[in-house]
PDB file of N, CA and C in Angstrom:
ATOM      1  N   VAL A   1      53.514 -36.417   7.828  1.00  0.00           N
ATOM      2  CA  VAL A   1      52.538 -36.547   6.744  1.00  0.00           C
ATOM      3  C   VAL A   1      51.216 -35.910   7.174  1.00  0.00           C
ATOM      4  N   ALA A   2      50.822 -36.151   8.416  1.00  0.00           N
ATOM      5  CA  ALA A   2      49.575 -35.577   8.911  1.00  0.00           C
ATOM      6  C   ALA A   2      49.651 -34.057   8.909  1.00  0.00           C
ATOM      7  N   ALA A   3      50.808 -33.522   9.347  1.00  0.00           N
ATOM      8  CA  ALA A   3      50.987 -32.064   9.364  1.00  0.00           C
ATOM      9  C   ALA A   3      50.970 -31.505   7.943  1.00  0.00           C
ATOM     10  N   GLN A   4      51.581 -32.237   7.027  1.00  0.00           N
ATOM     11  CA  GLN A   4      51.604 -31.803   5.626  1.00  0.00           C
ATOM     12  C   GLN A   4      50.186 -31.789   5.054  1.00  0.00           C
ATOM     13  N   ASN A   5      49.411 -32.832   5.355  1.00  0.00           N
ATOM     14  CA  ASN A   5      48.013 -32.886   4.887  1.00  0.00           C
ATOM     15  C   ASN A   5      47.194 -31.753   5.506  1.00  0.00           C
ATOM     16  N   CYS A   6      47.467 -31.475   6.763  1.00  0.00           N
ATOM     17  CA  CYS A   6      46.754 -30.398   7.461  1.00  0.00           C
ATOM     18  C   CYS A   6      47.065 -29.048   6.812  1.00  0.00           C
ATOM     19  N   ARG A   7      48.353 -28.824   6.530  1.00  0.00           N
ATOM     20  CA  ARG A   7      48.738 -27.567   5.859  1.00  0.00           C
ATOM     21  C   ARG A   7      48.112 -27.473   4.474  1.00  0.00           C
ATOM     22  N   LYS A   8      48.045 -28.602   3.774  1.00  0.00           N
ATOM     23  CA  LYS A   8      47.470 -28.627   2.427  1.00  0.00           C
ATOM     24  C   LYS A   8      45.976 -28.299   2.497  1.00  0.00           C
ATOM     25  N   ARG A   9      45.257 -28.896   3.471  1.00  0.00           N
ATOM     26  CA  ARG A   9      43.820 -28.593   3.647  1.00  0.00           C
ATOM     27  C   ARG A   9      43.621 -27.122   3.992  1.00  0.00           C
ATOM     28  N   LYS A  10      44.490 -26.610   4.877  1.00  0.00           N
ATOM     29  CA  LYS A  10      44.402 -25.204   5.293  1.00  0.00           C
ATOM     30  C   LYS A  10      44.629 -24.290   4.085  1.00  0.00           C
ATOM     31  N   LEU A  11      45.613 -24.614   3.262  1.00  0.00           N
ATOM     32  CA  LEU A  11      45.911 -23.829   2.064  1.00  0.00           C
ATOM     33  C   LEU A  11      44.737 -23.861   1.093  1.00  0.00           C
ATOM     34  N   ASN A  12      44.163 -25.067   0.905  1.00  0.00           N
ATOM     35  CA  ASN A  12      43.001 -25.188   0.022  1.00  0.00           C
ATOM     36  C   ASN A  12      41.817 -24.378   0.554  1.00  0.00           C
ATOM     37  N   ALA A  13      41.633 -24.411   1.871  1.00  0.00           N
ATOM     38  CA  ALA A  13      40.546 -23.641   2.476  1.00  0.00           C
ATOM     39  C   ALA A  13      40.763 -22.149   2.250  1.00  0.00           C
ATOM     40  N   LEU A  14      42.000 -21.679   2.420  1.00  0.00           N
ATOM     41  CA  LEU A  14      42.312 -20.267   2.187  1.00  0.00           C
ATOM     42  C   LEU A  14      42.096 -19.877   0.728  1.00  0.00           C
ATOM     43  N   LEU A  15      42.531 -20.741  -0.171  1.00  0.00           N
ATOM     44  CA  LEU A  15      42.347 -20.464  -1.597  1.00  0.00           C
ATOM     45  C   LEU A  15      40.862 -20.385  -1.950  1.00  0.00           C
ATOM     46  N   ASN A  16      40.074 -21.308  -1.374  1.00  0.00           N
ATOM     47  CA  ASN A  16      38.631 -21.292  -1.617  1.00  0.00           C
ATOM     48  C   ASN A  16      37.996 -20.014  -1.064  1.00  0.00           C
ATOM     49  N   LEU A  17      38.450 -19.607   0.114  1.00  0.00           N
ATOM     50  CA  LEU A  17      37.916 -18.375   0.706  1.00  0.00           C
ATOM     51  C   LEU A  17      38.294 -17.151  -0.131  1.00  0.00           C
ATOM     52  N   GLU A  18      39.520 -17.112  -0.624  1.00  0.00           N
ATOM     53  CA  GLU A  18      39.947 -16.004  -1.480  1.00  0.00           C
ATOM     54  C   GLU A  18      39.116 -15.966  -2.766  1.00  0.00           C
ATOM     55  N   GLU A  19      38.862 -17.142  -3.310  1.00  0.00           N
ATOM     56  CA  GLU A  19      38.036 -17.226  -4.520  1.00  0.00           C
ATOM     57  C   GLU A  19      36.608 -16.742  -4.219  1.00  0.00           C
ATOM     58  N   ASP A  20      36.088 -17.138  -3.060  1.00  0.00           N
ATOM     59  CA  ASP A  20      34.754 -16.693  -2.655  1.00  0.00           C
ATOM     60  C   ASP A  20      34.708 -15.170  -2.502  1.00  0.00           C
ATOM     61  N   VAL A  21      35.760 -14.605  -1.903  1.00  0.00           N
ATOM     62  CA  VAL A  21      35.827 -13.155  -1.722  1.00  0.00           C
ATOM     63  C   VAL A  21      35.829 -12.460  -3.083  1.00  0.00           C
ATOM     64  N   CYS A  22      36.611 -12.971  -4.016  1.00  0.00           N
ATOM     65  CA  CYS A  22      36.649 -12.381  -5.364  1.00  0.00           C
ATOM     66  C   CYS A  22      35.286 -12.473  -6.033  1.00  0.00           C
ATOM     67  N   ASN A  23      34.643 -13.627  -5.915  1.00  0.00           N
ATOM     68  CA  ASN A  23      33.309 -13.787  -6.512  1.00  0.00           C
ATOM     69  C   ASN A  23      32.298 -12.838  -5.875  1.00  0.00           C
ATOM     70  N   LEU A  24      32.372 -12.694  -4.563  1.00  0.00           N
ATOM     71  CA  LEU A  24      31.446 -11.790  -3.874  1.00  0.00           C
ATOM     72  C   LEU A  24      31.707 -10.332  -4.239  1.00  0.00           C
ATOM     73  N   GLN A  25      32.971  -9.965  -4.422  1.00  0.00           N
ATOM     74  CA  GLN A  25      33.283  -8.594  -4.844  1.00  0.00           C
ATOM     75  C   GLN A  25      32.748  -8.332  -6.250  1.00  0.00           C
ATOM     76  N   THR A  26      32.881  -9.306  -7.124  1.00  0.00           N
ATOM     77  CA  THR A  26      32.344  -9.174  -8.477  1.00  0.00           C
ATOM     78  C   THR A  26      30.825  -9.055  -8.431  1.00  0.00           C
ATOM     79  N   GLN A  27      30.197  -9.881  -7.605  1.00  0.00           N
ATOM     80  CA  GLN A  27      28.747  -9.835  -7.457  1.00  0.00           C
ATOM     81  C   GLN A  27      28.318  -8.492  -6.871  1.00  0.00           C
ATOM     82  N   LYS A  28      29.078  -7.993  -5.919  1.00  0.00           N
ATOM     83  CA  LYS A  28      28.761  -6.701  -5.303  1.00  0.00           C
ATOM     84  C   LYS A  28      28.809  -5.592  -6.353  1.00  0.00           C
ATOM     85  N   GLU A  29      29.840  -5.575  -7.171  1.00  0.00           N
ATOM     86  CA  GLU A  29      29.953  -4.561  -8.227  1.00  0.00           C
ATOM     87  C   GLU A  29      28.793  -4.670  -9.210  1.00  0.00           C
ATOM     88  N   SER A  30      28.447  -5.900  -9.547  1.00  0.00           N
ATOM     89  CA  SER A  30      27.323  -6.122 -10.457  1.00  0.00           C
ATOM     90  C   SER A  30      26.027  -5.601  -9.849  1.00  0.00           C
ATOM     91  N   LEU A  31      25.822  -5.872  -8.568  1.00  0.00           N
ATOM     92  CA  LEU A  31      24.617  -5.399  -7.879  1.00  0.00           C
ATOM     93  C   LEU A  31      24.600  -3.878  -7.764  1.00  0.00           C
ATOM     94  N   LYS A  32      25.771  -3.272  -7.559  1.00  0.00           N
ATOM     95  CA  LYS A  32      25.852  -1.810  -7.512  1.00  0.00           C
ATOM     96  C   LYS A  32      25.429  -1.210  -8.855  1.00  0.00           C
ATOM     97  N   LYS A  33      25.922  -1.794  -9.948  1.00  0.00           N
ATOM     98  CA  LYS A  33      25.548  -1.313 -11.278  1.00  0.00           C
ATOM     99  C   LYS A  33      24.049  -1.471 -11.499  1.00  0.00           C
ATOM    100  N   GLU A  34      23.516  -2.630 -11.116  1.00  0.00           N
ATOM    101  CA  GLU A  34      22.089  -2.881 -11.274  1.00  0.00           C
ATOM    102  C   GLU A  34      21.275  -1.895 -10.438  1.00  0.00           C
ATOM    103  N   HIS A  35      21.712  -1.637  -9.217  1.00  0.00           N
ATOM    104  CA  HIS A  35      21.027  -0.684  -8.339  1.00  0.00           C
ATOM    105  C   HIS A  35      21.038   0.714  -8.967  1.00  0.00           C
ATOM    106  N   PHE A  36      22.175   1.115  -9.498  1.00  0.00           N
ATOM    107  CA  PHE A  36      22.286   2.420 -10.134  1.00  0.00           C
ATOM    108  C   PHE A  36      21.340   2.515 -11.328  1.00  0.00           C
ATOM    109  N   GLN A  37      21.309   1.459 -12.155  1.00  0.00           N
ATOM    110  CA  GLN A  37      20.428   1.459 -13.322  1.00  0.00           C
ATOM    111  C   GLN A  37      18.963   1.499 -12.901  1.00  0.00           C
ATOM    112  N   CYS A  38      18.616   0.747 -11.863  1.00  0.00           N
ATOM    113  CA  CYS A  38      17.230   0.751 -11.370  1.00  0.00           C
ATOM    114  C   CYS A  38      16.870   2.118 -10.806  1.00  0.00           C
ATOM    115  N   SER A  39      17.772   2.721 -10.064  1.00  0.00           N
ATOM    116  CA  SER A  39      17.514   4.053  -9.503  1.00  0.00           C
ATOM    117  C   SER A  39      17.326   5.073 -10.615  1.00  0.00           C
ATOM    118  N   ARG A  40      18.153   4.986 -11.627  1.00  0.00           N
ATOM    119  CA  ARG A  40      18.041   5.908 -12.754  1.00  0.00           C
ATOM    120  C   ARG A  40      16.730   5.675 -13.502  1.00  0.00           C
ATOM    121  N   SER A  41      16.358   4.421 -13.670  1.00  0.00           N
ATOM    122  CA  SER A  41      15.100   4.094 -14.342  1.00  0.00           C
ATOM    123  C   SER A  41      13.904   4.604 -13.536  1.00  0.00           C
ATOM    124  N   ILE A  42      13.934   4.404 -12.222  1.00  0.00           N
ATOM    125  CA  ILE A  42      12.847   4.896 -11.364  1.00  0.00           C
ATOM    126  C   ILE A  42      12.764   6.410 -11.442  1.00  0.00           C
ATOM    127  N   SER A  43      13.903   7.053 -11.444  1.00  0.00           N
ATOM    128  CA  SER A  43      13.933   8.516 -11.525  1.00  0.00           C
ATOM    129  C   SER A  43      13.307   8.991 -12.835  1.00  0.00           C
ATOM    130  N   ARG A  44      13.643   8.321 -13.931  1.00  0.00           N
ATOM    131  CA  ARG A  44      13.048   8.684 -15.235  1.00  0.00           C
ATOM    132  C   ARG A  44      11.543   8.458 -15.226  1.00  0.00           C
ATOM    133  N   MET A  45      11.099   7.337 -14.634  1.00  0.00           N
ATOM    134  CA  MET A  45       9.661   7.056 -14.574  1.00  0.00           C
ATOM    135  C   MET A  45       8.936   8.099 -13.734  1.00  0.00           C
ATOM    136  N   LYS A  46       9.547   8.492 -12.610  1.00  0.00           N
ATOM    137  CA  LYS A  46       8.940   9.524 -11.769  1.00  0.00           C
ATOM    138  C   LYS A  46       8.809  10.833 -12.541  1.00  0.00           C
ATOM    139  N   GLN A  47       9.843  11.174 -13.298  1.00  0.00           N
ATOM    140  CA  GLN A  47       9.807  12.406 -14.081  1.00  0.00           C
ATOM    141  C   GLN A  47       8.720  12.328 -15.155  1.00  0.00           C
ATOM    142  N   LYS A  48       8.620  11.175 -15.830  1.00  0.00           N
ATOM    143  CA  LYS A  48       7.574  11.014 -16.840  1.00  0.00           C
ATOM    144  C   LYS A  48       6.185  11.093 -16.216  1.00  0.00           C
ATOM    145  N   LEU A  49       6.013  10.464 -15.056  1.00  0.00           N
ATOM    146  CA  LEU A  49       4.734  10.506 -14.359  1.00  0.00           C
ATOM    147  C   LEU A  49       4.397  11.931 -13.944  1.00  0.00           C
ATOM    148  N   ASN A  50       5.387  12.645 -13.457  1.00  0.00           N
ATOM    149  CA  ASN A  50       5.189  14.039 -13.068  1.00  0.00           C
ATOM    150  C   ASN A  50       4.793  14.888 -14.277  1.00  0.00           C
ATOM    151  N   ASN A  51       5.471  14.680 -15.404  1.00  0.00           N
ATOM    152  CA  ASN A  51       5.128  15.413 -16.631  1.00  0.00           C
ATOM    153  C   ASN A  51       3.711  15.084 -17.084  1.00  0.00           C
ATOM    154  N   LEU A  52       3.352  13.807 -17.020  1.00  0.00           N
ATOM    155  CA  LEU A  52       2.003  13.387 -17.401  1.00  0.00           C
ATOM    156  C   LEU A  52       0.970  14.007 -16.478  1.00  0.00           C
ATOM    157  N   TYR A  53       1.255  13.999 -15.190  1.00  0.00           N
ATOM    158  CA  TYR A  53       0.368  14.575 -14.190  1.00  0.00           C
ATOM    159  C   TYR A  53       0.111  16.055 -14.500  1.00  0.00           C
ATOM    160  N   HIS A  54       1.189  16.806 -14.761  1.00  0.00           N
ATOM    161  CA  HIS A  54       1.040  18.228 -15.080  1.00  0.00           C
ATOM    162  C   HIS A  54       0.319  18.439 -16.408  1.00  0.00           C
ATOM    163  N   ASP A  55       0.591  17.570 -17.369  1.00  0.00           N
ATOM    164  CA  ASP A  55      -0.076  17.675 -18.662  1.00  0.00           C
ATOM    165  C   ASP A  55      -1.580  17.450 -18.517  1.00  0.00           C
ATOM    166  N   ILE A  56      -1.952  16.444 -17.736  1.00  0.00           N
ATOM    167  CA  ILE A  56      -3.371  16.156 -17.525  1.00  0.00           C
ATOM    168  C   ILE A  56      -4.049  17.334 -16.842  1.00  0.00           C
ATOM    169  N   PHE A  57      -3.427  17.849 -15.777  1.00  0.00           N
ATOM    170  CA  PHE A  57      -4.053  18.951 -15.063  1.00  0.00           C
ATOM    171  C   PHE A  57      -4.082  20.234 -15.892  1.00  0.00           C
ATOM    172  N   SER A  58      -3.154  20.399 -16.807  1.00  0.00           N
ATOM    173  CA  SER A  58      -3.185  21.604 -17.647  1.00  0.00           C
ATOM    174  C   SER A  58      -4.365  21.567 -18.617  1.00  0.00           C
ATOM    175  N   ARG A  59      -4.893  20.376 -18.898  1.00  0.00           N
ATOM    176  CA  ARG A  59      -6.021  20.237 -19.828  1.00  0.00           C
ATOM    177  C   ARG A  59      -7.377  20.173 -19.130  1.00  0.00           C
ATOM    178  N   LEU A  60      -7.377  19.907 -17.834  1.00  0.00           N
ATOM    179  CA  LEU A  60      -8.643  19.757 -17.117  1.00  0.00           C
ATOM    180  C   LEU A  60      -9.278  21.110 -16.813  1.00  0.00           C
ATOM    181  N   ARG A  61     -10.616  21.125 -16.871  1.00  0.00           N
ATOM    182  CA  ARG A  61     -11.383  22.330 -16.552  1.00  0.00           C
ATOM    183  C   ARG A  61     -12.543  21.939 -15.643  1.00  0.00           C
ATOM    184  N   ASP A  62     -12.928  22.851 -14.755  1.00  0.00           N
ATOM    185  CA  ASP A  62     -14.089  22.597 -13.898  1.00  0.00           C
ATOM    186  C   ASP A  62     -15.370  22.954 -14.640  1.00  0.00           C
ATOM    187  N   ASP A  63     -16.496  22.942 -13.924  1.00  0.00           N
ATOM    188  CA  ASP A  63     -17.797  23.205 -14.558  1.00  0.00           C
ATOM    189  C   ASP A  63     -17.892  24.600 -15.168  1.00  0.00           C
ATOM    190  N   GLN A  64     -17.158  25.572 -14.619  1.00  0.00           N
ATOM    191  CA  GLN A  64     -17.181  26.940 -15.142  1.00  0.00           C
ATOM    192  C   GLN A  64     -16.093  27.185 -16.190  1.00  0.00           C
ATOM    193  N   GLY A  65     -15.347  26.160 -16.546  1.00  0.00           N
ATOM    194  CA  GLY A  65     -14.316  26.294 -17.571  1.00  0.00           C
ATOM    195  C   GLY A  65     -12.974  26.764 -17.038  1.00  0.00           C
ATOM    196  N   ARG A  66     -12.836  26.855 -15.726  1.00  0.00           N
ATOM    197  CA  ARG A  66     -11.572  27.274 -15.123  1.00  0.00           C
ATOM    198  C   ARG A  66     -10.647  26.067 -14.975  1.00  0.00           C
ATOM    199  N   PRO A  67      -9.342  26.306 -15.029  1.00  0.00           N
ATOM    200  CA  PRO A  67      -8.402  25.185 -14.846  1.00  0.00           C
ATOM    201  C   PRO A  67      -8.552  24.575 -13.453  1.00  0.00           C
ATOM    202  N   VAL A  68      -8.392  23.256 -13.391  1.00  0.00           N
ATOM    203  CA  VAL A  68      -8.454  22.537 -12.115  1.00  0.00           C
ATOM    204  C   VAL A  68      -7.116  22.720 -11.411  1.00  0.00           C
ATOM    205  N   ASN A  69      -7.155  23.072 -10.141  1.00  0.00           N
ATOM    206  CA  ASN A  69      -5.943  23.314  -9.361  1.00  0.00           C
ATOM    207  C   ASN A  69      -5.334  21.982  -8.898  1.00  0.00           C
ATOM    208  N   PRO A  70      -4.114  21.645  -9.359  1.00  0.00           N
ATOM    209  CA  PRO A  70      -3.486  20.382  -8.956  1.00  0.00           C
ATOM    210  C   PRO A  70      -3.118  20.348  -7.472  1.00  0.00           C
ATOM    211  N   CYS A  71      -3.128  21.492  -6.814  1.00  0.00           N
ATOM    212  CA  CYS A  71      -2.841  21.517  -5.372  1.00  0.00           C
ATOM    213  C   CYS A  71      -4.047  21.054  -4.565  1.00  0.00           C
ATOM    214  N   GLN A  72      -5.229  21.101  -5.167  1.00  0.00           N
ATOM    215  CA  GLN A  72      -6.447  20.742  -4.452  1.00  0.00           C
ATOM    216  C   GLN A  72      -6.993  19.372  -4.842  1.00  0.00           C
ATOM    217  N   TYR A  73      -6.526  18.816  -5.946  1.00  0.00           N
ATOM    218  CA  TYR A  73      -7.058  17.549  -6.447  1.00  0.00           C
ATOM    219  C   TYR A  73      -5.933  16.568  -6.750  1.00  0.00           C
ATOM    220  N   VAL A  74      -6.280  15.291  -6.743  1.00  0.00           N
ATOM    221  CA  VAL A  74      -5.340  14.238  -7.131  1.00  0.00           C
ATOM    222  C   VAL A  74      -6.020  13.339  -8.160  1.00  0.00           C
ATOM    223  N   ILE A  75      -5.205  12.662  -8.941  1.00  0.00           N
ATOM    224  CA  ILE A  75      -5.710  11.700  -9.919  1.00  0.00           C
ATOM    225  C   ILE A  75      -5.720  10.339  -9.245  1.00  0.00           C
ATOM    226  N   HIS A  76      -6.860   9.660  -9.316  1.00  0.00           N
ATOM    227  CA  HIS A  76      -7.005   8.342  -8.694  1.00  0.00           C
ATOM    228  C   HIS A  76      -7.367   7.331  -9.781  1.00  0.00           C
ATOM    229  N   CYS A  77      -6.603   6.261  -9.864  1.00  0.00           N
ATOM    230  CA  CYS A  77      -6.874   5.185 -10.821  1.00  0.00           C
ATOM    231  C   CYS A  77      -7.393   3.985 -10.043  1.00  0.00           C
ATOM    232  N   SER A  78      -8.575   3.515 -10.407  1.00  0.00           N
ATOM    233  CA  SER A  78      -9.141   2.360  -9.713  1.00  0.00           C
ATOM    234  C   SER A  78      -8.651   1.073 -10.367  1.00  0.00           C
ATOM    235  N   SER A  79      -8.920  -0.043  -9.721  1.00  0.00           N
ATOM    236  CA  SER A  79      -8.435  -1.333 -10.210  1.00  0.00           C
ATOM    237  C   SER A  79      -9.079  -1.742 -11.531  1.00  0.00           C
ATOM    238  N   ASP A  80     -10.265  -1.193 -11.838  1.00  0.00           N
ATOM    239  CA  ASP A  80     -10.917  -1.541 -13.104  1.00  0.00           C
ATOM    240  C   ASP A  80     -10.477  -0.648 -14.260  1.00  0.00           C
ATOM    241  N   GLY A  81      -9.515   0.256 -14.012  1.00  0.00           N
ATOM    242  CA  GLY A  81      -8.990   1.115 -15.068  1.00  0.00           C
ATOM    243  C   GLY A  81      -9.643   2.479 -15.137  1.00  0.00           C
ATOM    244  N   SER A  82     -10.631   2.737 -14.301  1.00  0.00           N
ATOM    245  CA  SER A  82     -11.284   4.041 -14.281  1.00  0.00           C
ATOM    246  C   SER A  82     -10.354   5.071 -13.649  1.00  0.00           C
ATOM    247  N   VAL A  83     -10.436   6.291 -14.149  1.00  0.00           N
ATOM    248  CA  VAL A  83      -9.619   7.376 -13.638  1.00  0.00           C
ATOM    249  C   VAL A  83     -10.546   8.464 -13.105  1.00  0.00           C
ATOM    250  N   PHE A  84     -10.258   8.931 -11.886  1.00  0.00           N
ATOM    251  CA  PHE A  84     -11.074   9.956 -11.251  1.00  0.00           C
ATOM    252  C   PHE A  84     -10.191  11.096 -10.772  1.00  0.00           C
ATOM    253  N   ILE A  85     -10.775  12.287 -10.713  1.00  0.00           N
ATOM    254  CA  ILE A  85     -10.128  13.424 -10.088  1.00  0.00           C
ATOM    255  C   ILE A  85     -10.827  13.604  -8.743  1.00  0.00           C
ATOM    256  N   ILE A  86     -10.064  13.474  -7.656  1.00  0.00           N
ATOM    257  CA  ILE A  86     -10.635  13.489  -6.319  1.00  0.00           C
ATOM    258  C   ILE A  86      -9.999  14.623  -5.511  1.00  0.00           C
ATOM    259  N   PRO A  87     -10.798  15.334  -4.718  1.00  0.00           N
ATOM    260  CA  PRO A  87     -10.207  16.367  -3.844  1.00  0.00           C
ATOM    261  C   PRO A  87      -9.218  15.739  -2.869  1.00  0.00           C
ATOM    262  N   LYS A  88      -8.116  16.436  -2.615  1.00  0.00           N
ATOM    263  CA  LYS A  88      -7.078  15.912  -1.719  1.00  0.00           C
ATOM    264  C   LYS A  88      -7.617  15.675  -0.316  1.00  0.00           C
ATOM    265  N   LEU A  89      -8.591  16.465   0.108  1.00  0.00           N
ATOM    266  CA  LEU A  89      -9.150  16.291   1.446  1.00  0.00           C
ATOM    267  C   LEU A  89      -9.780  14.914   1.599  1.00  0.00           C
ATOM    268  N   VAL A  90     -10.427  14.423   0.541  1.00  0.00           N
ATOM    269  CA  VAL A  90     -11.047  13.097   0.577  1.00  0.00           C
ATOM    270  C   VAL A  90      -9.972  12.027   0.685  1.00  0.00           C
ATOM    271  N   VAL A  91      -8.909  12.184  -0.084  1.00  0.00           N
ATOM    272  CA  VAL A  91      -7.820  11.208  -0.081  1.00  0.00           C
ATOM    273  C   VAL A  91      -7.153  11.173   1.293  1.00  0.00           C
ATOM    274  N   LYS A  92      -6.914  12.348   1.886  1.00  0.00           N
ATOM    275  CA  LYS A  92      -6.272  12.395   3.199  1.00  0.00           C
ATOM    276  C   LYS A  92      -7.135  11.734   4.258  1.00  0.00           C
ATOM    277  N   SER A  93      -8.444  11.960   4.207  1.00  0.00           N
ATOM    278  CA  SER A  93      -9.314  11.342   5.205  1.00  0.00           C
ATOM    279  C   SER A  93      -9.367   9.826   5.023  1.00  0.00           C
ATOM    280  N   GLU A  94      -9.325   9.351   3.766  1.00  0.00           N
ATOM    281  CA  GLU A  94      -9.285   7.908   3.513  1.00  0.00           C
ATOM    282  C   GLU A  94      -7.985   7.305   4.041  1.00  0.00           C
ATOM    283  N   GLN A  95      -6.886   8.021   3.853  1.00  0.00           N
ATOM    284  CA  GLN A  95      -5.599   7.529   4.340  1.00  0.00           C
ATOM    285  C   GLN A  95      -5.597   7.443   5.859  1.00  0.00           C
ATOM    286  N   LYS A  96      -6.217   8.439   6.513  1.00  0.00           N
ATOM    287  CA  LYS A  96      -6.302   8.405   7.974  1.00  0.00           C
ATOM    288  C   LYS A  96      -7.119   7.207   8.430  1.00  0.00           C
ATOM    289  N   GLN A  97      -8.227   6.929   7.723  1.00  0.00           N
ATOM    290  CA  GLN A  97      -9.065   5.789   8.079  1.00  0.00           C
ATOM    291  C   GLN A  97      -8.304   4.481   7.872  1.00  0.00           C
ATOM    292  N   ASP A  98      -7.578   4.386   6.761  1.00  0.00           N
ATOM    293  CA  ASP A  98      -6.793   3.179   6.484  1.00  0.00           C
ATOM    294  C   ASP A  98      -5.724   2.966   7.546  1.00  0.00           C
ATOM    295  N   SER A  99      -5.028   4.035   7.935  1.00  0.00           N
ATOM    296  CA  SER A  99      -3.982   3.880   8.942  1.00  0.00           C
ATOM    297  C   SER A  99      -4.589   3.534  10.299  1.00  0.00           C
ATOM    298  N   ALA A 100      -5.788   4.066  10.586  1.00  0.00           N
ATOM    299  CA  ALA A 100      -6.461   3.719  11.846  1.00  0.00           C
ATOM    300  C   ALA A 100      -6.849   2.236  11.844  1.00  0.00           C
ATOM    301  N   LYS A 101      -7.318   1.732  10.708  1.00  0.00           N
ATOM    302  CA  LYS A 101      -7.661   0.316  10.602  1.00  0.00           C
ATOM    303  C   LYS A 101      -6.416  -0.553  10.806  1.00  0.00           C
ATOM    304  N   GLU A 102      -5.295  -0.142  10.202  1.00  0.00           N
ATOM    305  CA  GLU A 102      -4.048  -0.909  10.348  1.00  0.00           C
ATOM    306  C   GLU A 102      -3.609  -0.932  11.802  1.00  0.00           C
ATOM    307  N   GLN A 103      -3.745   0.205  12.498  1.00  0.00           N
ATOM    308  CA  GLN A 103      -3.361   0.259  13.904  1.00  0.00           C
ATOM    309  C   GLN A 103      -4.217  -0.673  14.746  1.00  0.00           C
ATOM    310  N   LYS A 104      -5.524  -0.751  14.445  1.00  0.00           N
ATOM    311  CA  LYS A 104      -6.435  -1.625  15.186  1.00  0.00           C
ATOM    312  C   LYS A 104      -6.091  -3.095  14.952  1.00  0.00           C
ATOM    313  N   GLN A 105      -5.676  -3.423  13.717  1.00  0.00           N
ATOM    314  CA  GLN A 105      -5.337  -4.813  13.390  1.00  0.00           C
ATOM    315  C   GLN A 105      -4.078  -5.264  14.095  1.00  0.00           C
ATOM    316  N   LYS A 106      -3.194  -4.353  14.379  1.00  0.00           N
ATOM    317  CA  LYS A 106      -1.927  -4.708  15.049  1.00  0.00           C
ATOM    318  C   LYS A 106      -2.215  -4.972  16.495  1.00  0.00           C
TER     319      LYS A 106
END
């Protein structure tokens, strides 16, 4: 009787594990689909942002009426909603300062 109960517990444990494996495989497939949809959504957003970026720069002009070069400037949005066009050199130097501060904090 003890051996029979032991085999029954072992069988139940195996069945539970098989059920868990099936549930995890289903969850994995669901997560794969979600990941694919998120990746596709991010890709679309990046493309829209890129199009917007080019559209904005195609309309911008400097003081002499010449088009602003997107290779030399970046669009910066502040936390209060203000939008600025900043030279890339300024942004790079700020990034260097920020990374230097992070290194000091570590």
